[in-house]
Amino acid sequence: MERQTIAANFWVAPSKVRKNGLAPINATITRNGQRASFSTGRMIQPDNWDCKRQRAKASDITRWFDTKAWRILLLLEINFS
């Protein structure tokens, strides 16, 4: 059986900041070297994003983000393992 690799990375591009000061939270899913990038549909102030941990710092979006990120990772694990 061939080994499969799956990774999910979340990021905010400071260059995409809108006039209201918010930037979109993006995700990149990699499966066996194939990448798919998409926007999560949520916005955050770049200062409230922890680049190293790839998650929101303490704010109202943290709970939403943690729940959605774990759901994405769980679905990937279930469907592609």
Protein backbone atom coordinates (compact mmCIF):
# COMPACT_ATOMS: atom_id res chain seq x y z
CA MET A 1 0.00 0.00 0.00
CA GLU A 2 1.33 3.37 -1.01
CA ARG A 3 1.83 5.88 1.78
CA GLN A 4 -0.26 9.03 1.51
CA THR A 5 0.65 12.43 2.90
CA ILE A 6 -1.83 15.13 3.80
CA ALA A 7 -1.12 18.62 5.13
CA ALA A 8 -3.24 21.70 5.73
CA ASN A 9 -1.72 25.15 6.09
CA PHE A 10 -3.56 28.36 6.93
CA TRP A 11 -2.24 31.82 6.15
CA VAL A 12 -3.12 35.49 5.82
CA ALA A 13 -1.59 37.60 3.06
CA PRO A 14 -0.90 41.12 4.37
CA SER A 15 -0.81 42.32 0.76
CA LYS A 16 -4.53 41.43 0.42
CA VAL A 17 -5.72 43.78 3.20
CA ARG A 18 -8.99 45.47 2.26
CA LYS A 19 -9.93 49.08 2.93
CA ASN A 20 -11.58 48.06 6.22
CA GLY A 21 -8.22 46.72 7.47
CA LEU A 22 -9.17 43.04 7.23
CA ALA A 23 -7.47 40.33 5.16
CA PRO A 24 -8.87 36.93 4.12
CA ILE A 25 -7.81 33.73 5.89
CA ASN A 26 -6.61 31.29 3.23
CA ALA A 27 -5.93 27.57 3.31
CA THR A 28 -3.70 25.30 1.28
CA ILE A 29 -4.34 21.56 1.35
CA THR A 30 -1.57 19.30 0.05
CA ARG A 31 -2.19 15.62 -0.68
CA ASN A 32 0.61 13.54 -2.16
CA GLY A 33 2.22 16.65 -3.63
CA GLN A 34 -1.00 17.99 -5.18
CA ARG A 35 -1.98 21.43 -3.83
CA ALA A 36 -5.34 23.15 -3.60
CA SER A 37 -5.61 26.68 -2.22
CA PHE A 38 -8.80 28.47 -1.28
CA SER A 39 -10.18 31.25 0.89
CA THR A 40 -12.02 30.21 4.04
CA GLY A 41 -14.46 33.08 3.57
CA ARG A 42 -13.45 34.69 6.86
CA MET A 43 -11.52 37.90 7.39
CA ILE A 44 -9.13 38.96 10.14
CA GLN A 45 -6.86 41.86 10.96
CA PRO A 46 -3.32 40.76 10.04
CA ASP A 47 -2.10 41.83 13.49
CA ASN A 48 -4.45 39.23 15.02
CA TRP A 49 -2.92 36.36 13.02
CA ASP A 50 -0.12 34.19 14.46
CA CYS A 51 1.94 33.18 11.39
CA LYS A 52 4.10 30.69 13.26
CA ARG A 53 1.14 28.76 14.74
CA GLN A 54 -1.06 29.32 11.65
CA ARG A 55 -4.04 30.42 13.69
CA ALA A 56 -5.84 33.45 15.02
CA LYS A 57 -4.59 35.10 18.16
CA ALA A 58 -7.07 35.59 20.99
CA SER A 59 -10.13 37.19 19.40
CA ASP A 60 -13.75 36.45 18.57
CA ILE A 61 -12.72 34.54 15.43
CA THR A 62 -10.40 32.14 17.31
CA ARG A 63 -13.15 29.74 18.36
CA TRP A 64 -14.67 29.70 14.86
CA PHE A 65 -11.29 29.16 13.24
CA ASP A 66 -10.22 26.37 15.58
CA THR A 67 -13.48 24.51 14.99
CA LYS A 68 -13.36 24.85 11.20
CA ALA A 69 -9.65 24.01 10.96
CA TRP A 70 -10.10 20.83 12.97
CA ARG A 71 -13.13 19.82 10.90
CA ILE A 72 -11.12 20.24 7.70
CA LEU A 73 -8.23 18.19 9.05
CA LEU A 74 -10.58 15.48 10.36
CA LEU A 75 -12.41 15.21 7.03
CA LEU A 76 -9.11 14.95 5.18
CA GLU A 77 -7.92 12.22 7.52
CA ILE A 78 -11.15 10.24 7.20
CA ASN A 79 -11.46 10.54 3.43
CA PHE A 80 -7.86 10.13 2.34
CA SER A 81 -6.18 7.83 4.87
